[in-house]
Amino acid sequence: MLTDTFGERLKATRKIKNMTQLELSKRLELSKATVSAYEQVASYPSIETLVKICNILDVSADFLLGLSDNLTFEMGGLTNEQRNSVLQFISTIEKANRIIGK
Protein backbone atom coordinates (compact mmCIF):
# COMPACT_ATOMS: atom_id res chain seq x y z
CA MET A 1 0.00 0.00 0.00
CA LEU A 2 1.30 3.43 -0.83
CA THR A 3 0.94 5.60 2.22
CA ASP A 4 -1.22 8.19 0.50
CA THR A 5 -3.45 5.74 -1.37
CA PHE A 6 -5.80 5.33 1.58
CA GLY A 7 -6.39 9.06 1.95
CA GLU A 8 -6.93 9.60 -1.75
CA ARG A 9 -9.30 6.69 -2.10
CA LEU A 10 -11.22 7.57 1.05
CA LYS A 11 -11.75 11.11 -0.21
CA ALA A 12 -12.68 10.00 -3.74
CA THR A 13 -15.11 7.37 -2.46
CA ARG A 14 -16.69 9.80 -0.01
CA LYS A 15 -17.19 12.33 -2.80
CA ILE A 16 -18.62 9.72 -5.16
CA LYS A 17 -21.17 8.96 -2.44
CA ASN A 18 -21.95 12.71 -2.23
CA MET A 19 -20.96 12.79 1.43
CA THR A 20 -19.12 15.62 3.19
CA GLN A 21 -16.38 15.08 5.73
CA LEU A 22 -18.79 16.32 8.38
CA GLU A 23 -21.48 13.82 7.37
CA LEU A 24 -18.99 10.96 7.41
CA SER A 25 -17.56 12.06 10.74
CA LYS A 26 -21.03 12.13 12.32
CA ARG A 27 -21.80 8.63 11.08
CA LEU A 28 -18.44 7.43 12.41
CA GLU A 29 -18.97 9.31 15.67
CA LEU A 30 -15.62 11.06 15.16
CA SER A 31 -14.62 14.67 14.67
CA LYS A 32 -14.48 16.22 11.21
CA ALA A 33 -10.79 16.90 11.90
CA THR A 34 -10.19 13.16 12.30
CA VAL A 35 -11.76 12.38 8.92
CA SER A 36 -9.71 15.21 7.40
CA ALA A 37 -6.57 13.72 8.96
CA TYR A 38 -7.37 10.34 7.39
CA GLU A 39 -7.77 11.95 3.97
CA GLN A 40 -4.54 13.94 4.37
CA VAL A 41 -2.72 10.82 5.60
CA ALA A 42 -1.86 12.54 8.86
CA SER A 43 -3.31 9.52 10.68
CA TYR A 44 -4.97 6.21 9.99
CA PRO A 45 -8.16 4.70 11.40
CA SER A 46 -8.25 1.76 13.77
CA ILE A 47 -9.38 -1.56 12.34
CA GLU A 48 -12.80 -1.03 13.91
CA THR A 49 -13.12 2.41 12.32
CA LEU A 50 -11.91 1.09 8.96
CA VAL A 51 -14.70 -1.51 9.05
CA LYS A 52 -17.23 1.24 9.83
CA ILE A 53 -15.91 3.37 6.95
CA CYS A 54 -16.24 0.42 4.57
CA ASN A 55 -19.80 -0.25 5.72
CA ILE A 56 -20.86 3.40 5.50
CA LEU A 57 -19.30 3.97 2.08
CA ASP A 58 -20.14 0.46 0.86
CA VAL A 59 -16.62 -0.20 -0.33
CA SER A 60 -14.02 -2.88 0.40
CA ALA A 61 -11.06 -2.34 2.68
CA ASP A 62 -8.87 -3.81 -0.08
CA PHE A 63 -9.87 -0.96 -2.37
CA LEU A 64 -9.30 1.75 0.25
CA LEU A 65 -5.93 0.26 1.20
CA GLY A 66 -4.77 0.06 -2.41
CA LEU A 67 -4.68 -3.74 -2.47
CA SER A 68 -7.31 -3.90 -5.21
CA ASP A 69 -8.64 -1.58 -7.88
CA ASN A 70 -12.03 -3.25 -7.82
CA LEU A 71 -14.83 -1.12 -6.44
CA THR A 72 -17.46 -3.33 -4.88
CA PHE A 73 -20.26 -0.78 -4.71
CA GLU A 74 -22.52 0.87 -7.21
CA MET A 75 -21.38 4.42 -7.82
CA GLY A 76 -24.68 6.25 -7.67
CA GLY A 77 -26.11 4.98 -10.93
CA LEU A 78 -23.05 5.83 -13.00
CA THR A 79 -22.69 4.30 -16.42
CA ASN A 80 -19.74 1.99 -17.08
CA GLU A 81 -18.06 4.83 -18.98
CA GLN A 82 -18.48 7.23 -16.05
CA ARG A 83 -17.29 4.59 -13.57
CA ASN A 84 -14.19 3.96 -15.71
CA SER A 85 -13.54 7.72 -15.81
CA VAL A 86 -13.65 7.86 -12.00
CA LEU A 87 -11.23 4.93 -11.73
CA GLN A 88 -8.89 6.49 -14.30
CA PHE A 89 -8.97 9.76 -12.36
CA ILE A 90 -8.04 7.97 -9.13
CA SER A 91 -5.26 6.11 -10.91
CA THR A 92 -3.92 9.34 -12.45
CA ILE A 93 -3.76 11.01 -9.04
CA GLU A 94 -1.95 8.01 -7.56
CA LYS A 95 0.60 8.02 -10.39
CA ALA A 96 1.16 11.77 -10.10
CA ASN A 97 1.76 11.46 -6.38
CA ARG A 98 4.29 8.68 -6.95
CA ILE A 99 6.14 10.90 -9.45
CA ILE A 100 6.33 13.87 -7.09
CA GLY A 101 7.29 11.61 -4.22
CA LYS A 102 4.27 12.01 -1.98
PDB file of N, CA and C in Angstrom:
ATOM      1  N   MET A   1       0.843  -1.182   0.000  1.00  0.00           N
ATOM      2  CA  MET A   1       0.000   0.000   0.000  1.00  0.00           C
ATOM      3  C   MET A   1       0.885   1.241   0.000  1.00  0.00           C
ATOM      4  N   LEU A   2       0.643   2.140  -0.885  1.00  0.00           N
ATOM      5  CA  LEU A   2       1.301   3.432  -0.833  1.00  0.00           C
ATOM      6  C   LEU A   2       0.668   4.211   0.307  1.00  0.00           C
ATOM      7  N   THR A   3       1.470   4.944   1.029  1.00  0.00           N
ATOM      8  CA  THR A   3       0.942   5.598   2.224  1.00  0.00           C
ATOM      9  C   THR A   3      -0.172   6.582   1.940  1.00  0.00           C
ATOM     10  N   ASP A   4      -0.178   7.207   0.783  1.00  0.00           N
ATOM     11  CA  ASP A   4      -1.219   8.193   0.504  1.00  0.00           C
ATOM     12  C   ASP A   4      -2.416   7.609  -0.244  1.00  0.00           C
ATOM     13  N   THR A   5      -2.341   6.360  -0.642  1.00  0.00           N
ATOM     14  CA  THR A   5      -3.449   5.741  -1.373  1.00  0.00           C
ATOM     15  C   THR A   5      -4.722   5.743  -0.548  1.00  0.00           C
ATOM     16  N   PHE A   6      -4.617   5.391   0.730  1.00  0.00           N
ATOM     17  CA  PHE A   6      -5.798   5.328   1.577  1.00  0.00           C
ATOM     18  C   PHE A   6      -6.517   6.673   1.614  1.00  0.00           C
ATOM     19  N   GLY A   7      -5.786   7.734   1.871  1.00  0.00           N
ATOM     20  CA  GLY A   7      -6.393   9.057   1.951  1.00  0.00           C
ATOM     21  C   GLY A   7      -7.057   9.478   0.656  1.00  0.00           C
ATOM     22  N   GLU A   8      -6.371   9.235  -0.449  1.00  0.00           N
ATOM     23  CA  GLU A   8      -6.925   9.599  -1.754  1.00  0.00           C
ATOM     24  C   GLU A   8      -8.197   8.818  -2.058  1.00  0.00           C
ATOM     25  N   ARG A   9      -8.148   7.530  -1.791  1.00  0.00           N
ATOM     26  CA  ARG A   9      -9.304   6.692  -2.105  1.00  0.00           C
ATOM     27  C   ARG A   9     -10.462   6.952  -1.152  1.00  0.00           C
ATOM     28  N   LEU A  10     -10.153   7.231   0.105  1.00  0.00           N
ATOM     29  CA  LEU A  10     -11.216   7.573   1.048  1.00  0.00           C
ATOM     30  C   LEU A  10     -11.935   8.832   0.578  1.00  0.00           C
ATOM     31  N   LYS A  11     -11.164   9.845   0.230  1.00  0.00           N
ATOM     32  CA  LYS A  11     -11.753  11.108  -0.211  1.00  0.00           C
ATOM     33  C   LYS A  11     -12.560  10.918  -1.496  1.00  0.00           C
ATOM     34  N   ALA A  12     -11.988  10.208  -2.464  1.00  0.00           N
ATOM     35  CA  ALA A  12     -12.676  10.000  -3.736  1.00  0.00           C
ATOM     36  C   ALA A  12     -13.973   9.216  -3.535  1.00  0.00           C
ATOM     37  N   THR A  13     -13.921   8.187  -2.707  1.00  0.00           N
ATOM     38  CA  THR A  13     -15.108   7.371  -2.465  1.00  0.00           C
ATOM     39  C   THR A  13     -16.168   8.176  -1.731  1.00  0.00           C
ATOM     40  N   ARG A  14     -15.754   8.952  -0.750  1.00  0.00           N
ATOM     41  CA  ARG A  14     -16.691   9.803  -0.007  1.00  0.00           C
ATOM     42  C   ARG A  14     -17.390  10.768  -0.953  1.00  0.00           C
ATOM     43  N   LYS A  15     -16.612  11.370  -1.852  1.00  0.00           N
ATOM     44  CA  LYS A  15     -17.194  12.328  -2.795  1.00  0.00           C
ATOM     45  C   LYS A  15     -18.118  11.653  -3.800  1.00  0.00           C
ATOM     46  N   ILE A  16     -17.758  10.458  -4.247  1.00  0.00           N
ATOM     47  CA  ILE A  16     -18.625   9.715  -5.157  1.00  0.00           C
ATOM     48  C   ILE A  16     -19.969   9.459  -4.499  1.00  0.00           C
ATOM     49  N   LYS A  17     -19.944   9.218  -3.206  1.00  0.00           N
ATOM     50  CA  LYS A  17     -21.166   8.962  -2.442  1.00  0.00           C
ATOM     51  C   LYS A  17     -21.865  10.264  -2.033  1.00  0.00           C
ATOM     52  N   ASN A  18     -21.371  11.392  -2.536  1.00  0.00           N
ATOM     53  CA  ASN A  18     -21.949  12.705  -2.232  1.00  0.00           C
ATOM     54  C   ASN A  18     -22.049  12.956  -0.730  1.00  0.00           C
ATOM     55  N   MET A  19     -20.988  12.636  -0.016  1.00  0.00           N
ATOM     56  CA  MET A  19     -20.960  12.794   1.429  1.00  0.00           C
ATOM     57  C   MET A  19     -19.845  13.782   1.798  1.00  0.00           C
ATOM     58  N   THR A  20     -20.138  14.689   2.710  1.00  0.00           N
ATOM     59  CA  THR A  20     -19.122  15.622   3.186  1.00  0.00           C
ATOM     60  C   THR A  20     -18.303  14.964   4.288  1.00  0.00           C
ATOM     61  N   GLN A  21     -17.177  15.571   4.605  1.00  0.00           N
ATOM     62  CA  GLN A  21     -16.381  15.085   5.730  1.00  0.00           C
ATOM     63  C   GLN A  21     -17.196  15.128   7.016  1.00  0.00           C
ATOM     64  N   LEU A  22     -17.973  16.183   7.179  1.00  0.00           N
ATOM     65  CA  LEU A  22     -18.787  16.320   8.383  1.00  0.00           C
ATOM     66  C   LEU A  22     -19.819  15.199   8.475  1.00  0.00           C
ATOM     67  N   GLU A  23     -20.478  14.901   7.366  1.00  0.00           N
ATOM     68  CA  GLU A  23     -21.475  13.822   7.371  1.00  0.00           C
ATOM     69  C   GLU A  23     -20.828  12.478   7.719  1.00  0.00           C
ATOM     70  N   LEU A  24     -19.683  12.208   7.116  1.00  0.00           N
ATOM     71  CA  LEU A  24     -18.989  10.958   7.414  1.00  0.00           C
ATOM     72  C   LEU A  24     -18.544  10.930   8.870  1.00  0.00           C
ATOM     73  N   SER A  25     -18.029  12.025   9.351  1.00  0.00           N
ATOM     74  CA  SER A  25     -17.560  12.064  10.737  1.00  0.00           C
ATOM     75  C   SER A  25     -18.699  11.808  11.720  1.00  0.00           C
ATOM     76  N   LYS A  26     -19.869  12.355  11.443  1.00  0.00           N
ATOM     77  CA  LYS A  26     -21.027  12.126  12.323  1.00  0.00           C
ATOM     78  C   LYS A  26     -21.427  10.657  12.321  1.00  0.00           C
ATOM     79  N   ARG A  27     -21.424  10.046  11.150  1.00  0.00           N
ATOM     80  CA  ARG A  27     -21.797   8.626  11.076  1.00  0.00           C
ATOM     81  C   ARG A  27     -20.761   7.736  11.747  1.00  0.00           C
ATOM     82  N   LEU A  28     -19.508   8.183  11.748  1.00  0.00           N
ATOM     83  CA  LEU A  28     -18.440   7.425  12.405  1.00  0.00           C
ATOM     84  C   LEU A  28     -18.328   7.755  13.891  1.00  0.00           C
ATOM     85  N   GLU A  29     -19.049   8.802  14.298  1.00  0.00           N
ATOM     86  CA  GLU A  29     -18.969   9.312  15.666  1.00  0.00           C
ATOM     87  C   GLU A  29     -17.537   9.757  15.999  1.00  0.00           C
ATOM     88  N   LEU A  30     -16.964  10.490  15.039  1.00  0.00           N
ATOM     89  CA  LEU A  30     -15.621  11.063  15.165  1.00  0.00           C
ATOM     90  C   LEU A  30     -15.704  12.537  14.810  1.00  0.00           C
ATOM     91  N   SER A  31     -14.638  13.263  15.053  1.00  0.00           N
ATOM     92  CA  SER A  31     -14.618  14.674  14.667  1.00  0.00           C
ATOM     93  C   SER A  31     -14.345  14.803  13.172  1.00  0.00           C
ATOM     94  N   LYS A  32     -14.761  15.927  12.607  1.00  0.00           N
ATOM     95  CA  LYS A  32     -14.477  16.217  11.205  1.00  0.00           C
ATOM     96  C   LYS A  32     -12.963  16.283  10.999  1.00  0.00           C
ATOM     97  N   ALA A  33     -12.249  16.808  11.992  1.00  0.00           N
ATOM     98  CA  ALA A  33     -10.786  16.904  11.904  1.00  0.00           C
ATOM     99  C   ALA A  33     -10.144  15.522  11.762  1.00  0.00           C
ATOM    100  N   THR A  34     -10.734  14.522  12.398  1.00  0.00           N
ATOM    101  CA  THR A  34     -10.194  13.161  12.297  1.00  0.00           C
ATOM    102  C   THR A  34     -10.359  12.629  10.886  1.00  0.00           C
ATOM    103  N   VAL A  35     -11.531  12.825  10.301  1.00  0.00           N
ATOM    104  CA  VAL A  35     -11.757  12.385   8.917  1.00  0.00           C
ATOM    105  C   VAL A  35     -10.809  13.134   7.982  1.00  0.00           C
ATOM    106  N   SER A  36     -10.645  14.415   8.201  1.00  0.00           N
ATOM    107  CA  SER A  36      -9.712  15.206   7.397  1.00  0.00           C
ATOM    108  C   SER A  36      -8.292  14.656   7.526  1.00  0.00           C
ATOM    109  N   ALA A  37      -7.907  14.285   8.729  1.00  0.00           N
ATOM    110  CA  ALA A  37      -6.567  13.724   8.959  1.00  0.00           C
ATOM    111  C   ALA A  37      -6.393  12.405   8.205  1.00  0.00           C
ATOM    112  N   TYR A  38      -7.447  11.591   8.161  1.00  0.00           N
ATOM    113  CA  TYR A  38      -7.370  10.345   7.390  1.00  0.00           C
ATOM    114  C   TYR A  38      -7.139  10.653   5.913  1.00  0.00           C
ATOM    115  N   GLU A  39      -7.874  11.620   5.387  1.00  0.00           N
ATOM    116  CA  GLU A  39      -7.766  11.950   3.965  1.00  0.00           C
ATOM    117  C   GLU A  39      -6.425  12.599   3.624  1.00  0.00           C
ATOM    118  N   GLN A  40      -5.837  13.292   4.588  1.00  0.00           N
ATOM    119  CA  GLN A  40      -4.537  13.941   4.367  1.00  0.00           C
ATOM    120  C   GLN A  40      -3.384  13.037   4.768  1.00  0.00           C
ATOM    121  N   VAL A  41      -3.688  11.824   5.173  1.00  0.00           N
ATOM    122  CA  VAL A  41      -2.716  10.825   5.597  1.00  0.00           C
ATOM    123  C   VAL A  41      -1.887  11.306   6.781  1.00  0.00           C
ATOM    124  N   ALA A  42      -2.512  12.109   7.625  1.00  0.00           N
ATOM    125  CA  ALA A  42      -1.858  12.539   8.860  1.00  0.00           C
ATOM    126  C   ALA A  42      -2.051  11.487   9.948  1.00  0.00           C
ATOM    127  N   SER A  43      -3.072  10.651   9.776  1.00  0.00           N
ATOM    128  CA  SER A  43      -3.306   9.525  10.680  1.00  0.00           C
ATOM    129  C   SER A  43      -4.130   8.481   9.955  1.00  0.00           C
ATOM    130  N   TYR A  44      -4.214   7.310  10.560  1.00  0.00           N
ATOM    131  CA  TYR A  44      -4.971   6.210   9.990  1.00  0.00           C
ATOM    132  C   TYR A  44      -6.012   5.731  10.993  1.00  0.00           C
ATOM    133  N   PRO A  45      -7.126   5.186  10.491  1.00  0.00           N
ATOM    134  CA  PRO A  45      -8.159   4.700  11.396  1.00  0.00           C
ATOM    135  C   PRO A  45      -7.762   3.370  12.041  1.00  0.00           C
ATOM    136  N   SER A  46      -8.391   3.079  13.160  1.00  0.00           N
ATOM    137  CA  SER A  46      -8.248   1.757  13.766  1.00  0.00           C
ATOM    138  C   SER A  46      -8.939   0.748  12.855  1.00  0.00           C
ATOM    139  N   ILE A  47      -8.712  -0.518  13.114  1.00  0.00           N
ATOM    140  CA  ILE A  47      -9.378  -1.562  12.336  1.00  0.00           C
ATOM    141  C   ILE A  47     -10.892  -1.429  12.468  1.00  0.00           C
ATOM    142  N   GLU A  48     -11.365  -1.164  13.687  1.00  0.00           N
ATOM    143  CA  GLU A  48     -12.802  -1.027  13.915  1.00  0.00           C
ATOM    144  C   GLU A  48     -13.375   0.134  13.110  1.00  0.00           C
ATOM    145  N   THR A  49     -12.654   1.254  13.081  1.00  0.00           N
ATOM    146  CA  THR A  49     -13.118   2.413  12.325  1.00  0.00           C
ATOM    147  C   THR A  49     -13.046   2.142  10.829  1.00  0.00           C
ATOM    148  N   LEU A  50     -12.020   1.443  10.382  1.00  0.00           N
ATOM    149  CA  LEU A  50     -11.914   1.089   8.964  1.00  0.00           C
ATOM    150  C   LEU A  50     -13.122   0.260   8.533  1.00  0.00           C
ATOM    151  N   VAL A  51     -13.517  -0.678   9.362  1.00  0.00           N
ATOM    152  CA  VAL A  51     -14.696  -1.505   9.046  1.00  0.00           C
ATOM    153  C   VAL A  51     -15.939  -0.622   8.961  1.00  0.00           C
ATOM    154  N   LYS A  52     -16.080   0.331   9.872  1.00  0.00           N
ATOM    155  CA  LYS A  52     -17.228   1.243   9.832  1.00  0.00           C
ATOM    156  C   LYS A  52     -17.219   2.073   8.551  1.00  0.00           C
ATOM    157  N   ILE A  53     -16.043   2.577   8.186  1.00  0.00           N
ATOM    158  CA  ILE A  53     -15.914   3.367   6.953  1.00  0.00           C
ATOM    159  C   ILE A  53     -16.366   2.536   5.754  1.00  0.00           C
ATOM    160  N   CYS A  54     -15.880   1.304   5.690  1.00  0.00           N
ATOM    161  CA  CYS A  54     -16.243   0.420   4.566  1.00  0.00           C
ATOM    162  C   CYS A  54     -17.746   0.183   4.517  1.00  0.00           C
ATOM    163  N   ASN A  55     -18.354  -0.021   5.678  1.00  0.00           N
ATOM    164  CA  ASN A  55     -19.798  -0.252   5.715  1.00  0.00           C
ATOM    165  C   ASN A  55     -20.574   0.998   5.319  1.00  0.00           C
ATOM    166  N   ILE A  56     -20.161   2.147   5.807  1.00  0.00           N
ATOM    167  CA  ILE A  56     -20.862   3.399   5.499  1.00  0.00           C
ATOM    168  C   ILE A  56     -20.741   3.748   4.019  1.00  0.00           C
ATOM    169  N   LEU A  57     -19.534   3.600   3.471  1.00  0.00           N
ATOM    170  CA  LEU A  57     -19.303   3.965   2.080  1.00  0.00           C
ATOM    171  C   LEU A  57     -19.567   2.813   1.116  1.00  0.00           C
ATOM    172  N   ASP A  58     -19.851   1.640   1.666  1.00  0.00           N
ATOM    173  CA  ASP A  58     -20.142   0.458   0.857  1.00  0.00           C
ATOM    174  C   ASP A  58     -19.004   0.165  -0.113  1.00  0.00           C
ATOM    175  N   VAL A  59     -17.817   0.047   0.461  1.00  0.00           N
ATOM    176  CA  VAL A  59     -16.617  -0.198  -0.327  1.00  0.00           C
ATOM    177  C   VAL A  59     -15.734  -1.187   0.433  1.00  0.00           C
ATOM    178  N   SER A  60     -14.874  -1.898  -0.267  1.00  0.00           N
ATOM    179  CA  SER A  60     -14.020  -2.876   0.395  1.00  0.00           C
ATOM    180  C   SER A  60     -12.786  -2.208   0.997  1.00  0.00           C
ATOM    181  N   ALA A  61     -12.298  -2.797   2.065  1.00  0.00           N
ATOM    182  CA  ALA A  61     -11.056  -2.337   2.677  1.00  0.00           C
ATOM    183  C   ALA A  61      -9.899  -2.515   1.697  1.00  0.00           C
ATOM    184  N   ASP A  62      -9.934  -3.589   0.908  1.00  0.00           N
ATOM    185  CA  ASP A  62      -8.874  -3.811  -0.081  1.00  0.00           C
ATOM    186  C   ASP A  62      -8.763  -2.637  -1.041  1.00  0.00           C
ATOM    187  N   PHE A  63      -9.900  -2.103  -1.471  1.00  0.00           N
ATOM    188  CA  PHE A  63      -9.866  -0.962  -2.371  1.00  0.00           C
ATOM    189  C   PHE A  63      -9.284   0.256  -1.664  1.00  0.00           C
ATOM    190  N   LEU A  64      -9.784   0.568  -0.469  1.00  0.00           N
ATOM    191  CA  LEU A  64      -9.302   1.752   0.251  1.00  0.00           C
ATOM    192  C   LEU A  64      -7.816   1.654   0.569  1.00  0.00           C
ATOM    193  N   LEU A  65      -7.330   0.454   0.844  1.00  0.00           N
ATOM    194  CA  LEU A  65      -5.930   0.265   1.201  1.00  0.00           C
ATOM    195  C   LEU A  65      -5.012   0.130  -0.004  1.00  0.00           C
ATOM    196  N   GLY A  66      -5.584   0.142  -1.201  1.00  0.00           N
ATOM    197  CA  GLY A  66      -4.766   0.057  -2.409  1.00  0.00           C
ATOM    198  C   GLY A  66      -4.353  -1.350  -2.771  1.00  0.00           C
ATOM    199  N   LEU A  67      -5.004  -2.353  -2.169  1.00  0.00           N
ATOM    200  CA  LEU A  67      -4.680  -3.745  -2.467  1.00  0.00           C
ATOM    201  C   LEU A  67      -5.440  -4.255  -3.682  1.00  0.00           C
ATOM    202  N   SER A  68      -6.472  -3.520  -4.069  1.00  0.00           N
ATOM    203  CA  SER A  68      -7.310  -3.899  -5.210  1.00  0.00           C
ATOM    204  C   SER A  68      -7.824  -2.623  -5.868  1.00  0.00           C
ATOM    205  N   ASP A  69      -8.040  -2.697  -7.159  1.00  0.00           N
ATOM    206  CA  ASP A  69      -8.643  -1.579  -7.876  1.00  0.00           C
ATOM    207  C   ASP A  69     -10.110  -1.831  -8.156  1.00  0.00           C
ATOM    208  N   ASN A  70     -10.638  -2.903  -7.589  1.00  0.00           N
ATOM    209  CA  ASN A  70     -12.034  -3.252  -7.817  1.00  0.00           C
ATOM    210  C   ASN A  70     -12.934  -2.570  -6.803  1.00  0.00           C
ATOM    211  N   LEU A  71     -13.810  -1.710  -7.299  1.00  0.00           N
ATOM    212  CA  LEU A  71     -14.827  -1.121  -6.437  1.00  0.00           C
ATOM    213  C   LEU A  71     -15.946  -2.139  -6.303  1.00  0.00           C
ATOM    214  N   THR A  72     -16.436  -2.316  -5.088  1.00  0.00           N
ATOM    215  CA  THR A  72     -17.463  -3.334  -4.879  1.00  0.00           C
ATOM    216  C   THR A  72     -18.836  -2.725  -4.660  1.00  0.00           C
ATOM    217  N   PHE A  73     -18.973  -1.432  -4.916  1.00  0.00           N
ATOM    218  CA  PHE A  73     -20.259  -0.783  -4.708  1.00  0.00           C
ATOM    219  C   PHE A  73     -20.711  -0.135  -6.003  1.00  0.00           C
ATOM    220  N   GLU A  74     -21.980   0.157  -6.061  1.00  0.00           N
ATOM    221  CA  GLU A  74     -22.520   0.872  -7.208  1.00  0.00           C
ATOM    222  C   GLU A  74     -22.294   2.357  -6.994  1.00  0.00           C
ATOM    223  N   MET A  75     -21.715   3.004  -7.960  1.00  0.00           N
ATOM    224  CA  MET A  75     -21.384   4.418  -7.823  1.00  0.00           C
ATOM    225  C   MET A  75     -22.544   5.287  -8.264  1.00  0.00           C
ATOM    226  N   GLY A  76     -23.583   5.318  -7.463  1.00  0.00           N
ATOM    227  CA  GLY A  76     -24.680   6.248  -7.669  1.00  0.00           C
ATOM    228  C   GLY A  76     -25.305   6.226  -9.049  1.00  0.00           C
ATOM    229  N   GLY A  77     -25.456   5.064  -9.642  1.00  0.00           N
ATOM    230  CA  GLY A  77     -26.114   4.976 -10.934  1.00  0.00           C
ATOM    231  C   GLY A  77     -25.244   5.425 -12.096  1.00  0.00           C
ATOM    232  N   LEU A  78     -23.934   5.423 -11.921  1.00  0.00           N
ATOM    233  CA  LEU A  78     -23.050   5.829 -13.002  1.00  0.00           C
ATOM    234  C   LEU A  78     -23.039   4.774 -14.103  1.00  0.00           C
ATOM    235  N   THR A  79     -22.857   5.224 -15.307  1.00  0.00           N
ATOM    236  CA  THR A  79     -22.688   4.299 -16.422  1.00  0.00           C
ATOM    237  C   THR A  79     -21.304   3.679 -16.318  1.00  0.00           C
ATOM    238  N   ASN A  80     -21.071   2.615 -17.075  1.00  0.00           N
ATOM    239  CA  ASN A  80     -19.743   1.993 -17.084  1.00  0.00           C
ATOM    240  C   ASN A  80     -18.670   2.985 -17.521  1.00  0.00           C
ATOM    241  N   GLU A  81     -19.012   3.823 -18.492  1.00  0.00           N
ATOM    242  CA  GLU A  81     -18.060   4.826 -18.980  1.00  0.00           C
ATOM    243  C   GLU A  81     -17.717   5.823 -17.871  1.00  0.00           C
ATOM    244  N   GLN A  82     -18.723   6.285 -17.144  1.00  0.00           N
ATOM    245  CA  GLN A  82     -18.482   7.226 -16.048  1.00  0.00           C
ATOM    246  C   GLN A  82     -17.676   6.565 -14.923  1.00  0.00           C
ATOM    247  N   ARG A  83     -18.014   5.320 -14.602  1.00  0.00           N
ATOM    248  CA  ARG A  83     -17.289   4.587 -13.566  1.00  0.00           C
ATOM    249  C   ARG A  83     -15.820   4.433 -13.958  1.00  0.00           C
ATOM    250  N   ASN A  84     -15.566   4.093 -15.229  1.00  0.00           N
ATOM    251  CA  ASN A  84     -14.187   3.960 -15.706  1.00  0.00           C
ATOM    252  C   ASN A  84     -13.453   5.295 -15.639  1.00  0.00           C
ATOM    253  N   SER A  85     -14.159   6.394 -15.922  1.00  0.00           N
ATOM    254  CA  SER A  85     -13.544   7.724 -15.814  1.00  0.00           C
ATOM    255  C   SER A  85     -13.123   8.015 -14.380  1.00  0.00           C
ATOM    256  N   VAL A  86     -13.975   7.658 -13.422  1.00  0.00           N
ATOM    257  CA  VAL A  86     -13.646   7.862 -12.003  1.00  0.00           C
ATOM    258  C   VAL A  86     -12.412   7.043 -11.633  1.00  0.00           C
ATOM    259  N   LEU A  87     -12.380   5.782 -12.039  1.00  0.00           N
ATOM    260  CA  LEU A  87     -11.232   4.929 -11.726  1.00  0.00           C
ATOM    261  C   LEU A  87      -9.959   5.436 -12.390  1.00  0.00           C
ATOM    262  N   GLN A  88     -10.064   5.931 -13.623  1.00  0.00           N
ATOM    263  CA  GLN A  88      -8.893   6.491 -14.299  1.00  0.00           C
ATOM    264  C   GLN A  88      -8.400   7.734 -13.573  1.00  0.00           C
ATOM    265  N   PHE A  89      -9.326   8.557 -13.099  1.00  0.00           N
ATOM    266  CA  PHE A  89      -8.967   9.755 -12.357  1.00  0.00           C
ATOM    267  C   PHE A  89      -8.200   9.386 -11.085  1.00  0.00           C
ATOM    268  N   ILE A  90      -8.710   8.415 -10.355  1.00  0.00           N
ATOM    269  CA  ILE A  90      -8.038   7.973  -9.132  1.00  0.00           C
ATOM    270  C   ILE A  90      -6.646   7.450  -9.459  1.00  0.00           C
ATOM    271  N   SER A  91      -6.545   6.657 -10.502  1.00  0.00           N
ATOM    272  CA  SER A  91      -5.256   6.106 -10.910  1.00  0.00           C
ATOM    273  C   SER A  91      -4.283   7.208 -11.319  1.00  0.00           C
ATOM    274  N   THR A  92      -4.762   8.215 -12.030  1.00  0.00           N
ATOM    275  CA  THR A  92      -3.917   9.339 -12.452  1.00  0.00           C
ATOM    276  C   THR A  92      -3.366  10.092 -11.246  1.00  0.00           C
ATOM    277  N   ILE A  93      -4.204  10.320 -10.255  1.00  0.00           N
ATOM    278  CA  ILE A  93      -3.756  11.008  -9.039  1.00  0.00           C
ATOM    279  C   ILE A  93      -2.697  10.181  -8.321  1.00  0.00           C
ATOM    280  N   GLU A  94      -2.924   8.875  -8.219  1.00  0.00           N
ATOM    281  CA  GLU A  94      -1.950   8.006  -7.561  1.00  0.00           C
ATOM    282  C   GLU A  94      -0.609   8.046  -8.290  1.00  0.00           C
ATOM    283  N   LYS A  95      -0.634   7.989  -9.604  1.00  0.00           N
ATOM    284  CA  LYS A  95       0.601   8.018 -10.390  1.00  0.00           C
ATOM    285  C   LYS A  95       1.307   9.356 -10.235  1.00  0.00           C
ATOM    286  N   ALA A  96       0.565  10.450 -10.262  1.00  0.00           N
ATOM    287  CA  ALA A  96       1.164  11.773 -10.102  1.00  0.00           C
ATOM    288  C   ALA A  96       1.815  11.911  -8.740  1.00  0.00           C
ATOM    289  N   ASN A  97       1.183  11.389  -7.721  1.00  0.00           N
ATOM    290  CA  ASN A  97       1.758  11.462  -6.379  1.00  0.00           C
ATOM    291  C   ASN A  97       3.030  10.640  -6.270  1.00  0.00           C
ATOM    292  N   ARG A  98       3.070   9.494  -6.964  1.00  0.00           N
ATOM    293  CA  ARG A  98       4.292   8.684  -6.947  1.00  0.00           C
ATOM    294  C   ARG A  98       5.438   9.451  -7.618  1.00  0.00           C
ATOM    295  N   ILE A  99       5.122  10.152  -8.704  1.00  0.00           N
ATOM    296  CA  ILE A  99       6.142  10.899  -9.446  1.00  0.00           C
ATOM    297  C   ILE A  99       6.714  12.035  -8.606  1.00  0.00           C
ATOM    298  N   ILE A 100       5.844  12.745  -7.887  1.00  0.00           N
ATOM    299  CA  ILE A 100       6.334  13.870  -7.090  1.00  0.00           C
ATOM    300  C   ILE A 100       6.821  13.442  -5.700  1.00  0.00           C
ATOM    301  N   GLY A 101       6.730  12.132  -5.454  1.00  0.00           N
ATOM    302  CA  GLY A 101       7.291  11.610  -4.215  1.00  0.00           C
ATOM    303  C   GLY A 101       6.442  11.764  -2.990  1.00  0.00           C
ATOM    304  N   LYS A 102       5.163  11.904  -3.151  1.00  0.00           N
ATOM    305  CA  LYS A 102       4.268  12.006  -1.985  1.00  0.00           C
ATOM    306  C   LYS A 102       4.032  10.665  -1.387  1.00  0.00           C
TER     307      LYS A 102
END
